[in-house]
Amino acid sequence: MSQADGEIQFINKTHDLEKLCGELQGKSWIAVDTEFFREKTYKPQLCLIQIATDEHLACIDPLALDSIDAFLDILFDRRITKVFHAAGQDLEIFYWMRGSVPGPVFDTQIAAPLLGYNEQIGY
């Protein structure tokens, strides 16, 4: 699968997540976005993880999986830069899961004004 053909991989089985994470291990960067539910809880409930690289597009359903440890290992791998936009709430979810913040992180919301774009509202 490649981004060029636009195919999105939907992950709702642990063995598929482990396979994807094996393919992500050698990457220098991955783009990450999360969706979560926090209406009636203090801690956010992770509901969706979206991943992109130059070769992969994937939507991971953490609610359908027994474990997302394979993905967390990638997320906390210091050899891989994680690209987020407005990373604050995304990072908070992973802090709740592992007790630390993943890194290194490149936040496009912070980088954009450095390139002359207008600042944006943060979350």
PDB file of N, CA and C in Angstrom:
ATOM      1  N   MET A   1       0.840  -1.167   0.000  1.00  0.00           N
ATOM      2  CA  MET A   1       0.000   0.000   0.000  1.00  0.00           C
ATOM      3  C   MET A   1       0.888   1.233   0.000  1.00  0.00           C
ATOM      4  N   SER A   2       0.495   2.243  -0.729  1.00  0.00           N
ATOM      5  CA  SER A   2       1.233   3.492  -0.720  1.00  0.00           C
ATOM      6  C   SER A   2       0.260   4.654  -0.748  1.00  0.00           C
ATOM      7  N   GLN A   3       0.747   5.788  -0.309  1.00  0.00           N
ATOM      8  CA  GLN A   3      -0.077   6.979  -0.301  1.00  0.00           C
ATOM      9  C   GLN A   3      -0.477   7.346  -1.716  1.00  0.00           C
ATOM     10  N   ALA A   4       0.360   7.023  -2.676  1.00  0.00           N
ATOM     11  CA  ALA A   4       0.080   7.364  -4.067  1.00  0.00           C
ATOM     12  C   ALA A   4      -1.216   6.737  -4.555  1.00  0.00           C
ATOM     13  N   ASP A   5      -1.496   5.515  -4.131  1.00  0.00           N
ATOM     14  CA  ASP A   5      -2.735   4.892  -4.596  1.00  0.00           C
ATOM     15  C   ASP A   5      -3.914   5.226  -3.681  1.00  0.00           C
ATOM     16  N   GLY A   6      -3.672   5.994  -2.620  1.00  0.00           N
ATOM     17  CA  GLY A   6      -4.743   6.497  -1.775  1.00  0.00           C
ATOM     18  C   GLY A   6      -5.451   5.467  -0.919  1.00  0.00           C
ATOM     19  N   GLU A   7      -4.915   4.289  -0.817  1.00  0.00           N
ATOM     20  CA  GLU A   7      -5.558   3.228  -0.043  1.00  0.00           C
ATOM     21  C   GLU A   7      -5.343   3.458   1.449  1.00  0.00           C
ATOM     22  N   ILE A   8      -6.425   3.426   2.195  1.00  0.00           N
ATOM     23  CA  ILE A   8      -6.354   3.594   3.644  1.00  0.00           C
ATOM     24  C   ILE A   8      -6.556   2.238   4.297  1.00  0.00           C
ATOM     25  N   GLN A   9      -5.656   1.905   5.199  1.00  0.00           N
ATOM     26  CA  GLN A   9      -5.761   0.644   5.919  1.00  0.00           C
ATOM     27  C   GLN A   9      -6.541   0.884   7.212  1.00  0.00           C
ATOM     28  N   PHE A  10      -7.604   0.125   7.423  1.00  0.00           N
ATOM     29  CA  PHE A  10      -8.389   0.207   8.651  1.00  0.00           C
ATOM     30  C   PHE A  10      -7.962  -0.933   9.567  1.00  0.00           C
ATOM     31  N   ILE A  11      -7.494  -0.589  10.747  1.00  0.00           N
ATOM     32  CA  ILE A  11      -6.924  -1.561  11.673  1.00  0.00           C
ATOM     33  C   ILE A  11      -7.875  -1.757  12.847  1.00  0.00           C
ATOM     34  N   ASN A  12      -8.399  -2.976  12.970  1.00  0.00           N
ATOM     35  CA  ASN A  12      -9.236  -3.296  14.123  1.00  0.00           C
ATOM     36  C   ASN A  12      -8.906  -4.677  14.698  1.00  0.00           C
ATOM     37  N   LYS A  13      -7.735  -5.189  14.307  1.00  0.00           N
ATOM     38  CA  LYS A  13      -7.244  -6.466  14.841  1.00  0.00           C
ATOM     39  C   LYS A  13      -5.797  -6.266  15.293  1.00  0.00           C
ATOM     40  N   THR A  14      -5.473  -6.840  16.440  1.00  0.00           N
ATOM     41  CA  THR A  14      -4.148  -6.639  17.018  1.00  0.00           C
ATOM     42  C   THR A  14      -3.046  -7.104  16.084  1.00  0.00           C
ATOM     43  N   HIS A  15      -3.219  -8.230  15.397  1.00  0.00           N
ATOM     44  CA  HIS A  15      -2.147  -8.710  14.515  1.00  0.00           C
ATOM     45  C   HIS A  15      -1.938  -7.755  13.332  1.00  0.00           C
ATOM     46  N   ASP A  16      -2.986  -7.085  12.860  1.00  0.00           N
ATOM     47  CA  ASP A  16      -2.816  -6.093  11.792  1.00  0.00           C
ATOM     48  C   ASP A  16      -2.063  -4.868  12.303  1.00  0.00           C
ATOM     49  N   LEU A  17      -2.335  -4.474  13.551  1.00  0.00           N
ATOM     50  CA  LEU A  17      -1.611  -3.358  14.146  1.00  0.00           C
ATOM     51  C   LEU A  17      -0.137  -3.708  14.301  1.00  0.00           C
ATOM     52  N   GLU A  18       0.144  -4.915  14.765  1.00  0.00           N
ATOM     53  CA  GLU A  18       1.532  -5.333  14.933  1.00  0.00           C
ATOM     54  C   GLU A  18       2.266  -5.361  13.600  1.00  0.00           C
ATOM     55  N   LYS A  19       1.585  -5.790  12.538  1.00  0.00           N
ATOM     56  CA  LYS A  19       2.199  -5.799  11.205  1.00  0.00           C
ATOM     57  C   LYS A  19       2.504  -4.373  10.749  1.00  0.00           C
ATOM     58  N   LEU A  20       1.542  -3.466  10.900  1.00  0.00           N
ATOM     59  CA  LEU A  20       1.758  -2.068  10.530  1.00  0.00           C
ATOM     60  C   LEU A  20       2.927  -1.483  11.312  1.00  0.00           C
ATOM     61  N   CYS A  21       2.961  -1.725  12.596  1.00  0.00           N
ATOM     62  CA  CYS A  21       4.025  -1.171  13.432  1.00  0.00           C
ATOM     63  C   CYS A  21       5.390  -1.727  13.044  1.00  0.00           C
ATOM     64  N   GLY A  22       5.440  -2.971  12.618  1.00  0.00           N
ATOM     65  CA  GLY A  22       6.686  -3.531  12.100  1.00  0.00           C
ATOM     66  C   GLY A  22       7.168  -2.765  10.879  1.00  0.00           C
ATOM     67  N   GLU A  23       6.240  -2.343  10.033  1.00  0.00           N
ATOM     68  CA  GLU A  23       6.581  -1.566   8.839  1.00  0.00           C
ATOM     69  C   GLU A  23       6.963  -0.125   9.187  1.00  0.00           C
ATOM     70  N   LEU A  24       6.449   0.389  10.289  1.00  0.00           N
ATOM     71  CA  LEU A  24       6.755   1.763  10.695  1.00  0.00           C
ATOM     72  C   LEU A  24       8.101   1.877  11.405  1.00  0.00           C
ATOM     73  N   GLN A  25       8.649   0.765  11.881  1.00  0.00           N
ATOM     74  CA  GLN A  25       9.873   0.802  12.685  1.00  0.00           C
ATOM     75  C   GLN A  25      11.043   1.503  12.002  1.00  0.00           C
ATOM     76  N   GLY A  26      11.190   1.369  10.718  1.00  0.00           N
ATOM     77  CA  GLY A  26      12.334   1.971  10.048  1.00  0.00           C
ATOM     78  C   GLY A  26      12.112   3.390   9.564  1.00  0.00           C
ATOM     79  N   LYS A  27      10.953   3.958   9.832  1.00  0.00           N
ATOM     80  CA  LYS A  27      10.630   5.296   9.337  1.00  0.00           C
ATOM     81  C   LYS A  27      11.357   6.365  10.147  1.00  0.00           C
ATOM     82  N   SER A  28      11.668   7.474   9.493  1.00  0.00           N
ATOM     83  CA  SER A  28      12.268   8.597  10.204  1.00  0.00           C
ATOM     84  C   SER A  28      11.194   9.505  10.796  1.00  0.00           C
ATOM     85  N   TRP A  29       9.956   9.432  10.253  1.00  0.00           N
ATOM     86  CA  TRP A  29       8.854  10.251  10.757  1.00  0.00           C
ATOM     87  C   TRP A  29       7.526   9.544  10.509  1.00  0.00           C
ATOM     88  N   ILE A  30       6.546   9.871  11.339  1.00  0.00           N
ATOM     89  CA  ILE A  30       5.158   9.472  11.099  1.00  0.00           C
ATOM     90  C   ILE A  30       4.270  10.647  11.508  1.00  0.00           C
ATOM     91  N   ALA A  31       3.223  10.882  10.741  1.00  0.00           N
ATOM     92  CA  ALA A  31       2.223  11.884  11.109  1.00  0.00           C
ATOM     93  C   ALA A  31       1.134  11.180  11.908  1.00  0.00           C
ATOM     94  N   VAL A  32       0.694  11.821  12.984  1.00  0.00           N
ATOM     95  CA  VAL A  32      -0.261  11.206  13.904  1.00  0.00           C
ATOM     96  C   VAL A  32      -1.359  12.212  14.243  1.00  0.00           C
ATOM     97  N   ASP A  33      -2.587  11.724  14.287  1.00  0.00           N
ATOM     98  CA  ASP A  33      -3.713  12.514  14.779  1.00  0.00           C
ATOM     99  C   ASP A  33      -4.619  11.575  15.559  1.00  0.00           C
ATOM    100  N   THR A  34      -5.229  12.077  16.599  1.00  0.00           N
ATOM    101  CA  THR A  34      -6.130  11.243  17.397  1.00  0.00           C
ATOM    102  C   THR A  34      -7.500  11.892  17.501  1.00  0.00           C
ATOM    103  N   GLU A  35      -8.466  11.068  17.755  1.00  0.00           N
ATOM    104  CA  GLU A  35      -9.811  11.518  18.113  1.00  0.00           C
ATOM    105  C   GLU A  35     -10.137  10.836  19.428  1.00  0.00           C
ATOM    106  N   PHE A  36     -10.827  11.542  20.283  1.00  0.00           N
ATOM    107  CA  PHE A  36     -11.097  10.999  21.605  1.00  0.00           C
ATOM    108  C   PHE A  36     -12.445  11.476  22.105  1.00  0.00           C
ATOM    109  N   PHE A  37     -12.897  10.826  23.161  1.00  0.00           N
ATOM    110  CA  PHE A  37     -14.168  11.145  23.801  1.00  0.00           C
ATOM    111  C   PHE A  37     -13.870  11.544  25.231  1.00  0.00           C
ATOM    112  N   ARG A  38     -14.389  12.689  25.640  1.00  0.00           N
ATOM    113  CA  ARG A  38     -14.093  13.163  26.985  1.00  0.00           C
ATOM    114  C   ARG A  38     -15.314  13.885  27.573  1.00  0.00           C
ATOM    115  N   GLU A  39     -16.463  13.419  27.266  1.00  0.00           N
ATOM    116  CA  GLU A  39     -17.663  14.122  27.704  1.00  0.00           C
ATOM    117  C   GLU A  39     -18.005  13.865  29.167  1.00  0.00           C
ATOM    118  N   LYS A  40     -17.822  12.641  29.627  1.00  0.00           N
ATOM    119  CA  LYS A  40     -18.242  12.288  30.983  1.00  0.00           C
ATOM    120  C   LYS A  40     -17.101  11.736  31.829  1.00  0.00           C
ATOM    121  N   THR A  41     -15.871  11.921  31.369  1.00  0.00           N
ATOM    122  CA  THR A  41     -14.726  11.389  32.101  1.00  0.00           C
ATOM    123  C   THR A  41     -13.665  12.467  32.265  1.00  0.00           C
ATOM    124  N   TYR A  42     -12.864  12.343  33.300  1.00  0.00           N
ATOM    125  CA  TYR A  42     -11.743  13.258  33.494  1.00  0.00           C
ATOM    126  C   TYR A  42     -10.646  12.959  32.479  1.00  0.00           C
ATOM    127  N   LYS A  43     -10.360  11.667  32.324  1.00  0.00           N
ATOM    128  CA  LYS A  43      -9.353  11.234  31.352  1.00  0.00           C
ATOM    129  C   LYS A  43     -10.014  11.060  29.986  1.00  0.00           C
ATOM    130  N   PRO A  44      -9.319  11.462  28.915  1.00  0.00           N
ATOM    131  CA  PRO A  44      -9.877  11.241  27.578  1.00  0.00           C
ATOM    132  C   PRO A  44      -9.867   9.755  27.221  1.00  0.00           C
ATOM    133  N   GLN A  45     -10.883   9.324  26.487  1.00  0.00           N
ATOM    134  CA  GLN A  45     -10.939   7.947  25.989  1.00  0.00           C
ATOM    135  C   GLN A  45     -10.527   7.977  24.517  1.00  0.00           C
ATOM    136  N   LEU A  46      -9.435   7.322  24.211  1.00  0.00           N
ATOM    137  CA  LEU A  46      -8.912   7.290  22.851  1.00  0.00           C
ATOM    138  C   LEU A  46      -9.841   6.473  21.959  1.00  0.00           C
ATOM    139  N   CYS A  47     -10.330   7.091  20.881  1.00  0.00           N
ATOM    140  CA  CYS A  47     -11.312   6.437  20.008  1.00  0.00           C
ATOM    141  C   CYS A  47     -10.787   6.153  18.605  1.00  0.00           C
ATOM    142  N   LEU A  48      -9.793   6.900  18.140  1.00  0.00           N
ATOM    143  CA  LEU A  48      -9.265   6.717  16.791  1.00  0.00           C
ATOM    144  C   LEU A  48      -7.854   7.265  16.727  1.00  0.00           C
ATOM    145  N   ILE A  49      -6.972   6.534  16.039  1.00  0.00           N
ATOM    146  CA  ILE A  49      -5.611   7.000  15.765  1.00  0.00           C
ATOM    147  C   ILE A  49      -5.445   6.984  14.253  1.00  0.00           C
ATOM    148  N   GLN A  50      -5.037   8.118  13.704  1.00  0.00           N
ATOM    149  CA  GLN A  50      -4.798   8.219  12.264  1.00  0.00           C
ATOM    150  C   GLN A  50      -3.299   8.381  12.036  1.00  0.00           C
ATOM    151  N   ILE A  51      -2.764   7.591  11.123  1.00  0.00           N
ATOM    152  CA  ILE A  51      -1.327   7.540  10.865  1.00  0.00           C
ATOM    153  C   ILE A  51      -1.077   7.795   9.382  1.00  0.00           C
ATOM    154  N   ALA A  52      -0.020   8.551   9.093  1.00  0.00           N
ATOM    155  CA  ALA A  52       0.406   8.728   7.704  1.00  0.00           C
ATOM    156  C   ALA A  52       1.926   8.765   7.651  1.00  0.00           C
ATOM    157  N   THR A  53       2.467   8.151   6.616  1.00  0.00           N
ATOM    158  CA  THR A  53       3.878   8.283   6.258  1.00  0.00           C
ATOM    159  C   THR A  53       3.893   8.485   4.751  1.00  0.00           C
ATOM    160  N   ASP A  54       5.080   8.478   4.174  1.00  0.00           N
ATOM    161  CA  ASP A  54       5.154   8.581   2.719  1.00  0.00           C
ATOM    162  C   ASP A  54       4.638   7.320   2.035  1.00  0.00           C
ATOM    163  N   GLU A  55       4.455   6.237   2.785  1.00  0.00           N
ATOM    164  CA  GLU A  55       3.998   4.968   2.207  1.00  0.00           C
ATOM    165  C   GLU A  55       2.739   4.401   2.846  1.00  0.00           C
ATOM    166  N   HIS A  56       2.286   4.957   3.945  1.00  0.00           N
ATOM    167  CA  HIS A  56       1.165   4.369   4.685  1.00  0.00           C
ATOM    168  C   HIS A  56       0.104   5.407   5.020  1.00  0.00           C
ATOM    169  N   LEU A  57      -1.131   4.980   4.945  1.00  0.00           N
ATOM    170  CA  LEU A  57      -2.276   5.716   5.485  1.00  0.00           C
ATOM    171  C   LEU A  57      -3.078   4.707   6.289  1.00  0.00           C
ATOM    172  N   ALA A  58      -3.292   4.978   7.553  1.00  0.00           N
ATOM    173  CA  ALA A  58      -3.993   3.995   8.381  1.00  0.00           C
ATOM    174  C   ALA A  58      -4.869   4.682   9.413  1.00  0.00           C
ATOM    175  N   CYS A  59      -5.998   4.065   9.675  1.00  0.00           N
ATOM    176  CA  CYS A  59      -6.894   4.444  10.769  1.00  0.00           C
ATOM    177  C   CYS A  59      -6.947   3.263  11.723  1.00  0.00           C
ATOM    178  N   ILE A  60      -6.578   3.510  12.966  1.00  0.00           N
ATOM    179  CA  ILE A  60      -6.517   2.463  13.977  1.00  0.00           C
ATOM    180  C   ILE A  60      -7.679   2.662  14.946  1.00  0.00           C
ATOM    181  N   ASP A  61      -8.433   1.597  15.170  1.00  0.00           N
ATOM    182  CA  ASP A  61      -9.565   1.630  16.101  1.00  0.00           C
ATOM    183  C   ASP A  61      -9.125   1.037  17.435  1.00  0.00           C
ATOM    184  N   PRO A  62      -8.658   1.856  18.371  1.00  0.00           N
ATOM    185  CA  PRO A  62      -8.160   1.311  19.634  1.00  0.00           C
ATOM    186  C   PRO A  62      -9.245   0.646  20.479  1.00  0.00           C
ATOM    187  N   LEU A  63     -10.503   1.021  20.267  1.00  0.00           N
ATOM    188  CA  LEU A  63     -11.587   0.417  21.043  1.00  0.00           C
ATOM    189  C   LEU A  63     -11.840  -1.029  20.639  1.00  0.00           C
ATOM    190  N   ALA A  64     -11.458  -1.391  19.419  1.00  0.00           N
ATOM    191  CA  ALA A  64     -11.661  -2.758  18.933  1.00  0.00           C
ATOM    192  C   ALA A  64     -10.477  -3.670  19.247  1.00  0.00           C
ATOM    193  N   LEU A  65      -9.387  -3.101  19.730  1.00  0.00           N
ATOM    194  CA  LEU A  65      -8.152  -3.860  19.934  1.00  0.00           C
ATOM    195  C   LEU A  65      -7.976  -4.258  21.394  1.00  0.00           C
ATOM    196  N   ASP A  66      -7.347  -5.411  21.589  1.00  0.00           N
ATOM    197  CA  ASP A  66      -6.997  -5.842  22.942  1.00  0.00           C
ATOM    198  C   ASP A  66      -5.904  -4.954  23.526  1.00  0.00           C
ATOM    199  N   SER A  67      -5.006  -4.482  22.654  1.00  0.00           N
ATOM    200  CA  SER A  67      -3.851  -3.710  23.096  1.00  0.00           C
ATOM    201  C   SER A  67      -3.357  -2.834  21.953  1.00  0.00           C
ATOM    202  N   ILE A  68      -2.872  -1.651  22.298  1.00  0.00           N
ATOM    203  CA  ILE A  68      -2.194  -0.821  21.297  1.00  0.00           C
ATOM    204  C   ILE A  68      -0.717  -0.653  21.671  1.00  0.00           C
ATOM    205  N   ASP A  69      -0.203  -1.578  22.470  1.00  0.00           N
ATOM    206  CA  ASP A  69       1.187  -1.490  22.914  1.00  0.00           C
ATOM    207  C   ASP A  69       2.172  -1.412  21.755  1.00  0.00           C
ATOM    208  N   ALA A  70       1.921  -2.138  20.679  1.00  0.00           N
ATOM    209  CA  ALA A  70       2.836  -2.092  19.525  1.00  0.00           C
ATOM    210  C   ALA A  70       2.909  -0.677  18.969  1.00  0.00           C
ATOM    211  N   PHE A  71       1.776   0.008  18.912  1.00  0.00           N
ATOM    212  CA  PHE A  71       1.781   1.390  18.430  1.00  0.00           C
ATOM    213  C   PHE A  71       2.457   2.316  19.436  1.00  0.00           C
ATOM    214  N   LEU A  72       2.185   2.120  20.714  1.00  0.00           N
ATOM    215  CA  LEU A  72       2.824   2.958  21.728  1.00  0.00           C
ATOM    216  C   LEU A  72       4.339   2.815  21.679  1.00  0.00           C
ATOM    217  N   ASP A  73       4.831   1.617  21.398  1.00  0.00           N
ATOM    218  CA  ASP A  73       6.278   1.424  21.256  1.00  0.00           C
ATOM    219  C   ASP A  73       6.831   2.268  20.111  1.00  0.00           C
ATOM    220  N   ILE A  74       6.100   2.356  19.002  1.00  0.00           N
ATOM    221  CA  ILE A  74       6.513   3.209  17.876  1.00  0.00           C
ATOM    222  C   ILE A  74       6.454   4.672  18.295  1.00  0.00           C
ATOM    223  N   LEU A  75       5.378   5.050  18.952  1.00  0.00           N
ATOM    224  CA  LEU A  75       5.171   6.438  19.355  1.00  0.00           C
ATOM    225  C   LEU A  75       6.265   6.923  20.300  1.00  0.00           C
ATOM    226  N   PHE A  76       6.753   6.042  21.151  1.00  0.00           N
ATOM    227  CA  PHE A  76       7.781   6.424  22.120  1.00  0.00           C
ATOM    228  C   PHE A  76       9.197   6.098  21.640  1.00  0.00           C
ATOM    229  N   ASP A  77       9.338   5.670  20.395  1.00  0.00           N
ATOM    230  CA  ASP A  77      10.658   5.401  19.810  1.00  0.00           C
ATOM    231  C   ASP A  77      11.312   6.741  19.471  1.00  0.00           C
ATOM    232  N   ARG A  78      12.388   7.077  20.142  1.00  0.00           N
ATOM    233  CA  ARG A  78      13.043   8.379  19.976  1.00  0.00           C
ATOM    234  C   ARG A  78      13.749   8.518  18.636  1.00  0.00           C
ATOM    235  N   ARG A  79      13.845   7.446  17.866  1.00  0.00           N
ATOM    236  CA  ARG A  79      14.457   7.537  16.534  1.00  0.00           C
ATOM    237  C   ARG A  79      13.455   8.007  15.483  1.00  0.00           C
ATOM    238  N   ILE A  80      12.173   8.033  15.828  1.00  0.00           N
ATOM    239  CA  ILE A  80      11.117   8.405  14.884  1.00  0.00           C
ATOM    240  C   ILE A  80      10.510   9.736  15.320  1.00  0.00           C
ATOM    241  N   THR A  81      10.527  10.729  14.430  1.00  0.00           N
ATOM    242  CA  THR A  81       9.872  12.005  14.709  1.00  0.00           C
ATOM    243  C   THR A  81       8.378  11.859  14.478  1.00  0.00           C
ATOM    244  N   LYS A  82       7.596  12.296  15.452  1.00  0.00           N
ATOM    245  CA  LYS A  82       6.142  12.258  15.333  1.00  0.00           C
ATOM    246  C   LYS A  82       5.654  13.646  14.948  1.00  0.00           C
ATOM    247  N   VAL A  83       4.901  13.741  13.849  1.00  0.00           N
ATOM    248  CA  VAL A  83       4.384  15.012  13.349  1.00  0.00           C
ATOM    249  C   VAL A  83       2.914  15.117  13.759  1.00  0.00           C
ATOM    250  N   PHE A  84       2.589  16.182  14.477  1.00  0.00           N
ATOM    251  CA  PHE A  84       1.222  16.450  14.925  1.00  0.00           C
ATOM    252  C   PHE A  84       0.839  17.861  14.483  1.00  0.00           C
ATOM    253  N   HIS A  85      -0.437  18.173  14.530  1.00  0.00           N
ATOM    254  CA  HIS A  85      -0.913  19.548  14.431  1.00  0.00           C
ATOM    255  C   HIS A  85      -1.682  19.833  15.712  1.00  0.00           C
ATOM    256  N   ALA A  86      -1.268  20.866  16.433  1.00  0.00           N
ATOM    257  CA  ALA A  86      -1.874  21.191  17.730  1.00  0.00           C
ATOM    258  C   ALA A  86      -1.801  19.965  18.640  1.00  0.00           C
ATOM    259  N   ALA A  87      -0.588  19.608  18.994  1.00  0.00           N
ATOM    260  CA  ALA A  87      -0.305  18.322  19.634  1.00  0.00           C
ATOM    261  C   ALA A  87      -0.762  18.192  21.083  1.00  0.00           C
ATOM    262  N   GLY A  88      -1.114  19.272  21.739  1.00  0.00           N
ATOM    263  CA  GLY A  88      -1.365  19.244  23.177  1.00  0.00           C
ATOM    264  C   GLY A  88      -2.287  18.144  23.659  1.00  0.00           C
ATOM    265  N   GLN A  89      -3.484  18.068  23.103  1.00  0.00           N
ATOM    266  CA  GLN A  89      -4.434  17.067  23.581  1.00  0.00           C
ATOM    267  C   GLN A  89      -4.055  15.659  23.129  1.00  0.00           C
ATOM    268  N   ASP A  90      -3.443  15.548  21.959  1.00  0.00           N
ATOM    269  CA  ASP A  90      -2.962  14.238  21.517  1.00  0.00           C
ATOM    270  C   ASP A  90      -1.921  13.709  22.504  1.00  0.00           C
ATOM    271  N   LEU A  91      -0.975  14.562  22.865  1.00  0.00           N
ATOM    272  CA  LEU A  91       0.088  14.136  23.771  1.00  0.00           C
ATOM    273  C   LEU A  91      -0.452  13.815  25.159  1.00  0.00           C
ATOM    274  N   GLU A  92      -1.488  14.533  25.572  1.00  0.00           N
ATOM    275  CA  GLU A  92      -2.086  14.264  26.881  1.00  0.00           C
ATOM    276  C   GLU A  92      -2.617  12.835  26.968  1.00  0.00           C
ATOM    277  N   ILE A  93      -3.243  12.365  25.908  1.00  0.00           N
ATOM    278  CA  ILE A  93      -3.772  10.998  25.901  1.00  0.00           C
ATOM    279  C   ILE A  93      -2.648   9.995  26.117  1.00  0.00           C
ATOM    280  N   PHE A  94      -1.542  10.192  25.401  1.00  0.00           N
ATOM    281  CA  PHE A  94      -0.433   9.240  25.506  1.00  0.00           C
ATOM    282  C   PHE A  94       0.281   9.366  26.850  1.00  0.00           C
ATOM    283  N   TYR A  95       0.263  10.568  27.428  1.00  0.00           N
ATOM    284  CA  TYR A  95       0.801  10.728  28.777  1.00  0.00           C
ATOM    285  C   TYR A  95      -0.003   9.885  29.771  1.00  0.00           C
ATOM    286  N   TRP A  96      -1.326   9.922  29.653  1.00  0.00           N
ATOM    287  CA  TRP A  96      -2.170   9.116  30.533  1.00  0.00           C
ATOM    288  C   TRP A  96      -1.867   7.625  30.365  1.00  0.00           C
ATOM    289  N   MET A  97      -1.506   7.210  29.162  1.00  0.00           N
ATOM    290  CA  MET A  97      -1.285   5.783  28.893  1.00  0.00           C
ATOM    291  C   MET A  97       0.079   5.297  29.361  1.00  0.00           C
ATOM    292  N   ARG A  98       1.108   6.149  29.251  1.00  0.00           N
ATOM    293  CA  ARG A  98       2.469   5.700  29.548  1.00  0.00           C
ATOM    294  C   ARG A  98       3.172   6.485  30.650  1.00  0.00           C
ATOM    295  N   GLY A  99       2.563   7.554  31.125  1.00  0.00           N
ATOM    296  CA  GLY A  99       3.185   8.334  32.187  1.00  0.00           C
ATOM    297  C   GLY A  99       4.282   9.261  31.718  1.00  0.00           C
ATOM    298  N   SER A 100       4.430   9.413  30.411  1.00  0.00           N
ATOM    299  CA  SER A 100       5.384  10.364  29.843  1.00  0.00           C
ATOM    300  C   SER A 100       4.884  10.779  28.461  1.00  0.00           C
ATOM    301  N   VAL A 101       5.531  11.785  27.920  1.00  0.00           N
ATOM    302  CA  VAL A 101       5.135  12.319  26.617  1.00  0.00           C
ATOM    303  C   VAL A 101       6.044  11.730  25.546  1.00  0.00           C
ATOM    304  N   PRO A 102       5.468  11.274  24.423  1.00  0.00           N
ATOM    305  CA  PRO A 102       6.311  10.740  23.351  1.00  0.00           C
ATOM    306  C   PRO A 102       7.171  11.830  22.726  1.00  0.00           C
ATOM    307  N   GLY A 103       8.229  11.418  22.086  1.00  0.00           N
ATOM    308  CA  GLY A 103       9.092  12.374  21.409  1.00  0.00           C
ATOM    309  C   GLY A 103      10.021  11.641  20.471  1.00  0.00           C
ATOM    310  N   PRO A 104      10.718  12.360  19.642  1.00  0.00           N
ATOM    311  CA  PRO A 104      10.589  13.790  19.405  1.00  0.00           C
ATOM    312  C   PRO A 104       9.299  14.111  18.658  1.00  0.00           C
ATOM    313  N   VAL A 105       8.803  15.339  18.879  1.00  0.00           N
ATOM    314  CA  VAL A 105       7.548  15.783  18.275  1.00  0.00           C
ATOM    315  C   VAL A 105       7.803  17.036  17.452  1.00  0.00           C
ATOM    316  N   PHE A 106       7.206  17.079  16.267  1.00  0.00           N
ATOM    317  CA  PHE A 106       7.188  18.277  15.429  1.00  0.00           C
ATOM    318  C   PHE A 106       5.732  18.705  15.330  1.00  0.00           C
ATOM    319  N   ASP A 107       5.414  19.898  15.846  1.00  0.00           N
ATOM    320  CA  ASP A 107       4.039  20.395  15.847  1.00  0.00           C
ATOM    321  C   ASP A 107       3.898  21.440  14.745  1.00  0.00           C
ATOM    322  N   THR A 108       3.093  21.123  13.731  1.00  0.00           N
ATOM    323  CA  THR A 108       2.937  22.032  12.587  1.00  0.00           C
ATOM    324  C   THR A 108       2.261  23.338  12.989  1.00  0.00           C
ATOM    325  N   GLN A 109       1.453  23.319  14.040  1.00  0.00           N
ATOM    326  CA  GLN A 109       0.810  24.555  14.489  1.00  0.00           C
ATOM    327  C   GLN A 109       1.849  25.529  15.040  1.00  0.00           C
ATOM    328  N   ILE A 110       2.847  25.020  15.702  1.00  0.00           N
ATOM    329  CA  ILE A 110       3.919  25.866  16.224  1.00  0.00           C
ATOM    330  C   ILE A 110       4.864  26.287  15.106  1.00  0.00           C
ATOM    331  N   ALA A 111       5.122  25.400  14.168  1.00  0.00           N
ATOM    332  CA  ALA A 111       6.063  25.689  13.084  1.00  0.00           C
ATOM    333  C   ALA A 111       5.515  26.695  12.071  1.00  0.00           C
ATOM    334  N   ALA A 112       4.213  26.681  11.821  1.00  0.00           N
ATOM    335  CA  ALA A 112       3.625  27.518  10.768  1.00  0.00           C
ATOM    336  C   ALA A 112       3.941  29.009  10.932  1.00  0.00           C
ATOM    337  N   PRO A 113       3.784  29.616  12.118  1.00  0.00           N
ATOM    338  CA  PRO A 113       4.111  31.039  12.244  1.00  0.00           C
ATOM    339  C   PRO A 113       5.589  31.347  11.999  1.00  0.00           C
ATOM    340  N   LEU A 114       6.452  30.383  12.265  1.00  0.00           N
ATOM    341  CA  LEU A 114       7.878  30.584  11.997  1.00  0.00           C
ATOM    342  C   LEU A 114       8.153  30.715  10.503  1.00  0.00           C
ATOM    343  N   LEU A 115       7.224  30.205   9.691  1.00  0.00           N
ATOM    344  CA  LEU A 115       7.341  30.287   8.238  1.00  0.00           C
ATOM    345  C   LEU A 115       6.500  31.422   7.660  1.00  0.00           C
ATOM    346  N   GLY A 116       5.936  32.256   8.525  1.00  0.00           N
ATOM    347  CA  GLY A 116       5.184  33.410   8.061  1.00  0.00           C
ATOM    348  C   GLY A 116       3.681  33.228   7.989  1.00  0.00           C
ATOM    349  N   TYR A 117       3.176  32.063   8.354  1.00  0.00           N
ATOM    350  CA  TYR A 117       1.725  31.855   8.368  1.00  0.00           C
ATOM    351  C   TYR A 117       1.135  32.473   9.631  1.00  0.00           C
ATOM    352  N   ASN A 118      -0.132  32.822   9.579  1.00  0.00           N
ATOM    353  CA  ASN A 118      -0.807  33.386  10.747  1.00  0.00           C
ATOM    354  C   ASN A 118      -0.888  32.352  11.860  1.00  0.00           C
ATOM    355  N   GLU A 119      -0.828  32.851  13.097  1.00  0.00           N
ATOM    356  CA  GLU A 119      -1.001  31.950  14.235  1.00  0.00           C
ATOM    357  C   GLU A 119      -2.431  31.438  14.261  1.00  0.00           C
ATOM    358  N   GLN A 120      -2.608  30.242  14.834  1.00  0.00           N
ATOM    359  CA  GLN A 120      -3.924  29.616  14.904  1.00  0.00           C
ATOM    360  C   GLN A 120      -4.326  29.417  16.352  1.00  0.00           C
ATOM    361  N   ILE A 121      -5.611  29.271  16.552  1.00  0.00           N
ATOM    362  CA  ILE A 121      -6.113  28.973  17.890  1.00  0.00           C
ATOM    363  C   ILE A 121      -5.640  27.584  18.280  1.00  0.00           C
ATOM    364  N   GLY A 122      -5.133  27.429  19.480  1.00  0.00           N
ATOM    365  CA  GLY A 122      -4.654  26.132  19.943  1.00  0.00           C
ATOM    366  C   GLY A 122      -5.678  25.437  20.813  1.00  0.00           C
ATOM    367  N   TYR A 123      -5.497  24.141  20.970  1.00  0.00           N
ATOM    368  CA  TYR A 123      -6.370  23.346  21.824  1.00  0.00           C
ATOM    369  C   TYR A 123      -5.550  22.674  22.885  1.00  0.00           C
TER     370      TYR A 123
END
